Amino acid sequence: MTDTLDVKRHRLPEWRVTSGGKRKHLGGRWNKERIAEVLIEDRQKEFTMDDLARLVYGSTSKTNRDNVRKHIPAQRNHMLARLTPFVTRYGPRGTIETIKLYEADEPEDVRNLSVEINRLRDRNEITQERYDQLRRILSLPTNP
């Protein structure tokens, strides 16, 4: 007699289309895999909080933009685990303004990601071992 294990597969949420059929959104549920898909599809695009709020929630109210900002750190960790990090641009008082997928051949992206990784290590959000591993894999310059 063999024992079988039932593995529960999680389906990705379906894209919802607006009544005009022009825009798609996730119906108010943040999904890391779906957001990663969009970021990877539009590698060159710099996504504002409005863009992401419209994509996830369907509208760009202040509450929706704030909710997007709350999900960015978890999305960053998810993308780092997949070794497809994104670069965050901060505005006044440290609020997140935009995110963009990391391009290794752009010096500004290399500098910004290096600062971001250093910040994560300094805040103990990643271990020293993970920090060294990310620097090596992503070909980031070493710190002086």
N, C-alpha and C. Protein backbone atom coordinates (compact mmCIF):
# COMPACT_ATOMS: atom_id res chain seq x y z
N MET A 1 0.84 -1.17 0.00
CA MET A 1 0.00 0.00 0.00
C MET A 1 0.90 1.24 0.00
N THR A 2 0.62 2.16 -0.89
CA THR A 2 1.42 3.37 -0.97
C THR A 2 0.64 4.54 -0.38
N ASP A 3 1.36 5.36 0.30
CA ASP A 3 0.74 6.56 0.85
C ASP A 3 0.89 7.69 -0.15
N THR A 4 -0.18 8.38 -0.39
CA THR A 4 -0.12 9.53 -1.30
C THR A 4 -0.39 10.79 -0.50
N LEU A 5 0.26 11.80 -0.88
CA LEU A 5 0.13 13.08 -0.22
C LEU A 5 -0.58 14.03 -1.16
N ASP A 6 -1.69 14.58 -0.72
CA ASP A 6 -2.41 15.55 -1.55
C ASP A 6 -1.77 16.91 -1.35
N VAL A 7 -1.26 17.45 -2.43
CA VAL A 7 -0.64 18.76 -2.39
C VAL A 7 -1.66 19.78 -2.86
N LYS A 8 -1.91 20.76 -2.02
CA LYS A 8 -2.88 21.78 -2.37
C LYS A 8 -2.17 22.85 -3.20
N ARG A 9 -2.60 23.01 -4.40
CA ARG A 9 -2.02 24.00 -5.30
C ARG A 9 -2.80 25.31 -5.18
N HIS A 10 -2.06 26.38 -5.01
CA HIS A 10 -2.71 27.69 -4.95
C HIS A 10 -2.73 28.28 -6.35
N ARG A 11 -3.89 28.69 -6.75
CA ARG A 11 -4.02 29.33 -8.07
C ARG A 11 -3.78 30.82 -7.92
N LEU A 12 -3.16 31.38 -8.92
CA LEU A 12 -2.98 32.82 -8.92
C LEU A 12 -4.33 33.48 -9.14
N PRO A 13 -4.56 34.63 -8.51
CA PRO A 13 -5.84 35.31 -8.71
C PRO A 13 -5.99 35.74 -10.17
N GLU A 14 -7.20 35.71 -10.64
CA GLU A 14 -7.49 36.10 -12.02
C GLU A 14 -7.46 37.62 -12.15
N TRP A 15 -7.02 38.07 -13.31
CA TRP A 15 -7.08 39.49 -13.61
C TRP A 15 -8.53 39.87 -13.86
N ARG A 16 -8.95 40.98 -13.33
CA ARG A 16 -10.30 41.50 -13.59
C ARG A 16 -10.16 42.65 -14.56
N VAL A 17 -11.12 42.77 -15.46
CA VAL A 17 -11.09 43.80 -16.48
C VAL A 17 -12.18 44.82 -16.17
N THR A 18 -11.87 46.11 -16.33
CA THR A 18 -12.86 47.15 -16.09
C THR A 18 -13.98 47.05 -17.11
N SER A 19 -15.06 47.74 -16.83
CA SER A 19 -16.23 47.65 -17.70
C SER A 19 -15.92 48.07 -19.13
N GLY A 20 -15.01 49.00 -19.31
CA GLY A 20 -14.63 49.42 -20.66
C GLY A 20 -13.72 48.41 -21.35
N GLY A 21 -13.19 47.48 -20.58
CA GLY A 21 -12.32 46.46 -21.13
C GLY A 21 -10.90 46.91 -21.38
N LYS A 22 -10.55 48.10 -20.92
CA LYS A 22 -9.22 48.64 -21.20
C LYS A 22 -8.19 48.28 -20.13
N ARG A 23 -8.58 48.35 -18.86
CA ARG A 23 -7.61 48.15 -17.79
C ARG A 23 -7.91 46.87 -17.03
N LYS A 24 -6.83 46.25 -16.57
CA LYS A 24 -6.98 45.06 -15.73
C LYS A 24 -6.49 45.39 -14.33
N HIS A 25 -7.08 44.71 -13.34
CA HIS A 25 -6.65 44.88 -11.95
C HIS A 25 -6.90 43.60 -11.20
N LEU A 26 -6.40 43.53 -9.97
CA LEU A 26 -6.49 42.31 -9.18
C LEU A 26 -7.68 42.29 -8.23
N GLY A 27 -8.53 43.26 -8.31
CA GLY A 27 -9.72 43.26 -7.47
C GLY A 27 -9.46 43.51 -6.00
N GLY A 28 -8.42 44.25 -5.69
CA GLY A 28 -8.16 44.64 -4.32
C GLY A 28 -7.34 43.67 -3.49
N ARG A 29 -6.77 42.64 -4.11
CA ARG A 29 -5.96 41.67 -3.38
C ARG A 29 -4.53 41.69 -3.91
N TRP A 30 -3.58 42.02 -3.02
CA TRP A 30 -2.18 42.05 -3.41
C TRP A 30 -1.69 40.61 -3.58
N ASN A 31 -1.03 40.33 -4.70
CA ASN A 31 -0.46 39.01 -4.93
C ASN A 31 0.96 39.20 -5.43
N LYS A 32 1.93 38.69 -4.69
CA LYS A 32 3.34 38.90 -5.01
C LYS A 32 3.71 38.34 -6.38
N GLU A 33 3.18 37.19 -6.72
CA GLU A 33 3.50 36.58 -8.01
C GLU A 33 2.97 37.41 -9.18
N ARG A 34 1.74 37.89 -9.05
CA ARG A 34 1.15 38.71 -10.12
C ARG A 34 1.90 40.03 -10.26
N ILE A 35 2.27 40.66 -9.16
CA ILE A 35 3.03 41.91 -9.22
C ILE A 35 4.40 41.65 -9.83
N ALA A 36 5.03 40.55 -9.46
CA ALA A 36 6.33 40.20 -10.04
C ALA A 36 6.20 40.01 -11.56
N GLU A 37 5.13 39.37 -12.02
CA GLU A 37 4.89 39.21 -13.46
C GLU A 37 4.88 40.56 -14.16
N VAL A 38 4.14 41.50 -13.59
CA VAL A 38 4.01 42.82 -14.22
C VAL A 38 5.35 43.55 -14.23
N LEU A 39 6.07 43.48 -13.12
CA LEU A 39 7.37 44.16 -13.06
C LEU A 39 8.34 43.57 -14.08
N ILE A 40 8.31 42.27 -14.25
CA ILE A 40 9.23 41.62 -15.19
C ILE A 40 8.83 41.90 -16.63
N GLU A 41 7.52 41.93 -16.91
CA GLU A 41 7.05 42.21 -18.27
C GLU A 41 7.47 43.61 -18.73
N ASP A 42 7.37 44.59 -17.82
CA ASP A 42 7.71 45.98 -18.15
C ASP A 42 9.01 46.36 -17.44
N ARG A 43 10.09 45.69 -17.81
CA ARG A 43 11.37 45.86 -17.13
C ARG A 43 11.85 47.31 -17.09
N GLN A 44 11.65 48.05 -18.14
CA GLN A 44 12.18 49.41 -18.24
C GLN A 44 11.31 50.45 -17.54
N LYS A 45 10.07 50.10 -17.25
CA LYS A 45 9.13 51.08 -16.70
C LYS A 45 9.38 51.33 -15.22
N GLU A 46 9.24 52.58 -14.84
CA GLU A 46 9.33 52.97 -13.44
C GLU A 46 7.89 53.09 -12.93
N PHE A 47 7.51 52.23 -11.99
CA PHE A 47 6.13 52.18 -11.50
C PHE A 47 5.96 53.13 -10.33
N THR A 48 5.00 54.04 -10.45
CA THR A 48 4.66 54.92 -9.33
C THR A 48 3.68 54.20 -8.43
N MET A 49 3.44 54.76 -7.27
CA MET A 49 2.45 54.17 -6.36
C MET A 49 1.05 54.23 -6.98
N ASP A 50 0.79 55.26 -7.78
CA ASP A 50 -0.49 55.34 -8.50
C ASP A 50 -0.64 54.18 -9.47
N ASP A 51 0.43 53.88 -10.21
CA ASP A 51 0.37 52.76 -11.17
C ASP A 51 0.05 51.45 -10.47
N LEU A 52 0.73 51.20 -9.36
CA LEU A 52 0.52 49.95 -8.63
C LEU A 52 -0.85 49.91 -7.95
N ALA A 53 -1.30 51.05 -7.43
CA ALA A 53 -2.64 51.09 -6.82
C ALA A 53 -3.71 50.81 -7.86
N ARG A 54 -3.55 51.37 -9.03
CA ARG A 54 -4.51 51.13 -10.11
C ARG A 54 -4.47 49.66 -10.54
N LEU A 55 -3.29 49.09 -10.55
CA LEU A 55 -3.13 47.70 -10.96
C LEU A 55 -3.75 46.73 -9.95
N VAL A 56 -3.57 46.99 -8.68
CA VAL A 56 -4.07 46.07 -7.65
C VAL A 56 -5.51 46.38 -7.26
N TYR A 57 -5.79 47.65 -6.98
CA TYR A 57 -7.09 48.02 -6.42
C TYR A 57 -8.06 48.59 -7.44
N GLY A 58 -7.57 49.00 -8.59
CA GLY A 58 -8.45 49.56 -9.61
C GLY A 58 -8.62 51.06 -9.52
N SER A 59 -8.14 51.68 -8.45
CA SER A 59 -8.25 53.14 -8.32
C SER A 59 -7.03 53.66 -7.55
N THR A 60 -6.91 54.98 -7.50
CA THR A 60 -5.70 55.57 -6.91
C THR A 60 -6.01 56.48 -5.73
N SER A 61 -6.87 56.06 -4.85
CA SER A 61 -7.17 56.88 -3.68
C SER A 61 -5.95 56.89 -2.74
N LYS A 62 -5.97 57.82 -1.81
CA LYS A 62 -4.86 57.93 -0.86
C LYS A 62 -4.70 56.62 -0.06
N THR A 63 -5.80 56.04 0.34
CA THR A 63 -5.77 54.78 1.08
C THR A 63 -5.12 53.68 0.26
N ASN A 64 -5.47 53.60 -1.02
CA ASN A 64 -4.89 52.56 -1.88
C ASN A 64 -3.40 52.77 -2.09
N ARG A 65 -2.97 54.02 -2.27
CA ARG A 65 -1.53 54.29 -2.42
C ARG A 65 -0.78 53.92 -1.14
N ASP A 66 -1.37 54.23 0.02
CA ASP A 66 -0.74 53.87 1.30
C ASP A 66 -0.66 52.36 1.45
N ASN A 67 -1.70 51.65 1.03
CA ASN A 67 -1.68 50.19 1.09
C ASN A 67 -0.59 49.61 0.20
N VAL A 68 -0.38 50.22 -0.96
CA VAL A 68 0.69 49.77 -1.85
C VAL A 68 2.03 49.95 -1.16
N ARG A 69 2.24 51.11 -0.53
CA ARG A 69 3.51 51.36 0.16
C ARG A 69 3.75 50.34 1.26
N LYS A 70 2.70 49.87 1.92
CA LYS A 70 2.85 48.87 2.98
C LYS A 70 3.30 47.53 2.42
N HIS A 71 2.94 47.22 1.18
CA HIS A 71 3.28 45.93 0.59
C HIS A 71 4.66 45.91 -0.07
N ILE A 72 5.27 47.05 -0.28
CA ILE A 72 6.55 47.11 -0.99
C ILE A 72 7.66 46.32 -0.28
N PRO A 73 7.85 46.42 1.04
CA PRO A 73 8.92 45.63 1.67
C PRO A 73 8.77 44.12 1.48
N ALA A 74 7.56 43.60 1.59
CA ALA A 74 7.35 42.17 1.39
C ALA A 74 7.60 41.80 -0.07
N GLN A 75 7.19 42.69 -0.99
CA GLN A 75 7.43 42.44 -2.41
C GLN A 75 8.93 42.47 -2.70
N ARG A 76 9.66 43.39 -2.05
CA ARG A 76 11.12 43.46 -2.22
C ARG A 76 11.77 42.16 -1.80
N ASN A 77 11.36 41.61 -0.65
CA ASN A 77 11.92 40.34 -0.18
C ASN A 77 11.60 39.21 -1.15
N HIS A 78 10.39 39.21 -1.66
CA HIS A 78 9.98 38.18 -2.62
C HIS A 78 10.84 38.26 -3.88
N MET A 79 11.05 39.47 -4.37
CA MET A 79 11.84 39.66 -5.60
C MET A 79 13.31 39.34 -5.35
N LEU A 80 13.83 39.68 -4.18
CA LEU A 80 15.22 39.34 -3.86
C LEU A 80 15.40 37.83 -3.81
N ALA A 81 14.42 37.13 -3.27
CA ALA A 81 14.50 35.66 -3.21
C ALA A 81 14.52 35.06 -4.62
N ARG A 82 13.86 35.72 -5.56
CA ARG A 82 13.85 35.26 -6.95
C ARG A 82 15.06 35.78 -7.74
N LEU A 83 15.90 36.56 -7.07
CA LEU A 83 17.08 37.20 -7.67
C LEU A 83 16.71 38.11 -8.84
N THR A 84 15.57 38.76 -8.72
CA THR A 84 15.16 39.80 -9.67
C THR A 84 14.75 41.02 -8.84
N PRO A 85 15.72 41.69 -8.22
CA PRO A 85 15.39 42.79 -7.31
C PRO A 85 14.90 44.02 -8.06
N PHE A 86 14.27 44.90 -7.32
CA PHE A 86 13.89 46.19 -7.89
C PHE A 86 14.53 47.30 -7.08
N VAL A 87 14.63 48.45 -7.72
CA VAL A 87 15.25 49.62 -7.12
C VAL A 87 14.13 50.55 -6.68
N THR A 88 14.24 51.08 -5.49
CA THR A 88 13.22 51.96 -4.93
C THR A 88 13.73 53.40 -4.94
N ARG A 89 12.88 54.32 -5.39
CA ARG A 89 13.23 55.74 -5.31
C ARG A 89 12.36 56.37 -4.24
N TYR A 90 13.02 57.05 -3.31
CA TYR A 90 12.33 57.65 -2.17
C TYR A 90 12.14 59.14 -2.40
N GLY A 91 11.06 59.67 -1.83
CA GLY A 91 10.76 61.09 -1.92
C GLY A 91 11.02 61.77 -0.60
N PRO A 92 10.33 62.88 -0.37
CA PRO A 92 10.50 63.60 0.88
C PRO A 92 10.12 62.75 2.09
N ARG A 93 10.87 62.88 3.15
CA ARG A 93 10.65 62.17 4.41
C ARG A 93 10.66 60.66 4.24
N GLY A 94 11.35 60.16 3.24
CA GLY A 94 11.53 58.72 3.09
C GLY A 94 10.34 57.95 2.56
N THR A 95 9.36 58.63 1.97
CA THR A 95 8.22 57.91 1.41
C THR A 95 8.60 57.33 0.05
N ILE A 96 8.12 56.15 -0.22
CA ILE A 96 8.42 55.49 -1.49
C ILE A 96 7.65 56.17 -2.60
N GLU A 97 8.36 56.55 -3.66
CA GLU A 97 7.71 57.19 -4.81
C GLU A 97 7.56 56.23 -5.97
N THR A 98 8.65 55.55 -6.35
CA THR A 98 8.60 54.64 -7.49
C THR A 98 9.46 53.41 -7.23
N ILE A 99 9.15 52.35 -8.00
CA ILE A 99 10.01 51.18 -8.02
C ILE A 99 10.26 50.80 -9.47
N LYS A 100 11.41 50.22 -9.72
CA LYS A 100 11.80 49.83 -11.08
C LYS A 100 12.66 48.59 -10.97
N LEU A 101 12.49 47.68 -11.89
CA LEU A 101 13.29 46.46 -11.87
C LEU A 101 14.76 46.81 -12.10
N TYR A 102 15.63 46.14 -11.38
CA TYR A 102 17.07 46.40 -11.42
C TYR A 102 17.67 46.01 -12.77
N GLU A 103 18.44 46.93 -13.33
CA GLU A 103 19.19 46.69 -14.57
C GLU A 103 20.67 46.80 -14.24
N ALA A 104 21.41 45.71 -14.39
CA ALA A 104 22.82 45.67 -13.99
C ALA A 104 23.70 46.59 -14.82
N ASP A 105 23.27 46.95 -16.02
CA ASP A 105 24.11 47.79 -16.87
C ASP A 105 23.86 49.29 -16.68
N GLU A 106 22.97 49.66 -15.78
CA GLU A 106 22.73 51.08 -15.49
C GLU A 106 23.43 51.44 -14.18
N PRO A 107 24.41 52.37 -14.24
CA PRO A 107 25.18 52.72 -13.04
C PRO A 107 24.31 53.25 -11.89
N GLU A 108 23.27 53.99 -12.22
CA GLU A 108 22.38 54.54 -11.18
C GLU A 108 21.65 53.40 -10.44
N ASP A 109 21.21 52.40 -11.18
CA ASP A 109 20.54 51.25 -10.57
C ASP A 109 21.50 50.47 -9.68
N VAL A 110 22.74 50.31 -10.13
CA VAL A 110 23.74 49.58 -9.33
C VAL A 110 23.98 50.32 -8.02
N ARG A 111 24.13 51.65 -8.10
CA ARG A 111 24.36 52.45 -6.90
C ARG A 111 23.16 52.39 -5.96
N ASN A 112 21.95 52.55 -6.52
CA ASN A 112 20.75 52.54 -5.67
C ASN A 112 20.51 51.18 -5.03
N LEU A 113 20.73 50.10 -5.76
CA LEU A 113 20.54 48.77 -5.18
C LEU A 113 21.59 48.49 -4.11
N SER A 114 22.80 48.95 -4.34
CA SER A 114 23.85 48.78 -3.35
C SER A 114 23.47 49.48 -2.04
N VAL A 115 22.94 50.69 -2.15
CA VAL A 115 22.50 51.44 -0.96
C VAL A 115 21.35 50.69 -0.28
N GLU A 116 20.44 50.18 -1.09
CA GLU A 116 19.29 49.44 -0.56
C GLU A 116 19.70 48.19 0.19
N ILE A 117 20.62 47.42 -0.38
CA ILE A 117 21.11 46.20 0.26
C ILE A 117 21.85 46.54 1.55
N ASN A 118 22.64 47.61 1.53
CA ASN A 118 23.33 48.05 2.75
C ASN A 118 22.33 48.42 3.83
N ARG A 119 21.28 49.11 3.45
CA ARG A 119 20.25 49.51 4.41
C ARG A 119 19.57 48.29 5.02
N LEU A 120 19.27 47.30 4.19
CA LEU A 120 18.65 46.07 4.69
C LEU A 120 19.56 45.37 5.70
N ARG A 121 20.86 45.33 5.40
CA ARG A 121 21.81 44.69 6.31
C ARG A 121 21.93 45.49 7.61
N ASP A 122 22.02 46.82 7.50
CA ASP A 122 22.16 47.65 8.69
C ASP A 122 20.96 47.56 9.62
N ARG A 123 19.78 47.33 9.04
CA ARG A 123 18.55 47.21 9.84
C ARG A 123 18.29 45.76 10.26
N ASN A 124 19.24 44.88 9.97
CA ASN A 124 19.14 43.46 10.29
C ASN A 124 17.93 42.79 9.64
N GLU A 125 17.56 43.26 8.46
CA GLU A 125 16.48 42.62 7.72
C GLU A 125 17.01 41.46 6.88
N ILE A 126 18.32 41.46 6.62
CA ILE A 126 18.98 40.32 5.99
C ILE A 126 20.26 40.04 6.77
N THR A 127 20.70 38.79 6.73
CA THR A 127 21.91 38.41 7.46
C THR A 127 23.15 38.83 6.67
N GLN A 128 24.28 38.84 7.35
CA GLN A 128 25.54 39.17 6.69
C GLN A 128 25.83 38.16 5.58
N GLU A 129 25.53 36.90 5.84
CA GLU A 129 25.76 35.85 4.83
C GLU A 129 24.90 36.11 3.58
N ARG A 130 23.63 36.44 3.78
CA ARG A 130 22.73 36.74 2.65
C ARG A 130 23.19 38.01 1.93
N TYR A 131 23.65 38.98 2.69
CA TYR A 131 24.18 40.23 2.13
C TYR A 131 25.35 39.94 1.19
N ASP A 132 26.32 39.14 1.66
CA ASP A 132 27.48 38.79 0.84
C ASP A 132 27.07 38.00 -0.39
N GLN A 133 26.12 37.10 -0.20
CA GLN A 133 25.63 36.29 -1.32
C GLN A 133 24.96 37.17 -2.38
N LEU A 134 24.12 38.12 -1.96
CA LEU A 134 23.44 39.01 -2.91
C LEU A 134 24.45 39.88 -3.65
N ARG A 135 25.44 40.40 -2.93
CA ARG A 135 26.48 41.22 -3.56
C ARG A 135 27.21 40.43 -4.65
N ARG A 136 27.52 39.18 -4.35
CA ARG A 136 28.25 38.35 -5.31
C ARG A 136 27.36 38.00 -6.51
N ILE A 137 26.15 37.56 -6.25
CA ILE A 137 25.25 37.13 -7.34
C ILE A 137 24.84 38.29 -8.23
N LEU A 138 24.55 39.44 -7.63
CA LEU A 138 24.08 40.59 -8.40
C LEU A 138 25.23 41.46 -8.91
N SER A 139 26.45 41.03 -8.67
CA SER A 139 27.65 41.75 -9.13
C SER A 139 27.69 43.20 -8.67
N LEU A 140 27.39 43.39 -7.40
CA LEU A 140 27.45 44.73 -6.83
C LEU A 140 28.85 45.01 -6.32
N PRO A 141 29.29 46.27 -6.38
CA PRO A 141 30.64 46.58 -5.89
C PRO A 141 30.71 46.39 -4.38
N THR A 142 31.91 46.05 -3.93
CA THR A 142 32.11 45.89 -2.49
C THR A 142 32.21 47.25 -1.82
N ASN A 143 31.87 47.29 -0.55
CA ASN A 143 31.94 48.55 0.20
C ASN A 143 33.37 48.88 0.56
N PRO A 144 33.70 50.18 0.62
CA PRO A 144 35.04 50.56 1.04
C PRO A 144 35.26 50.34 2.51
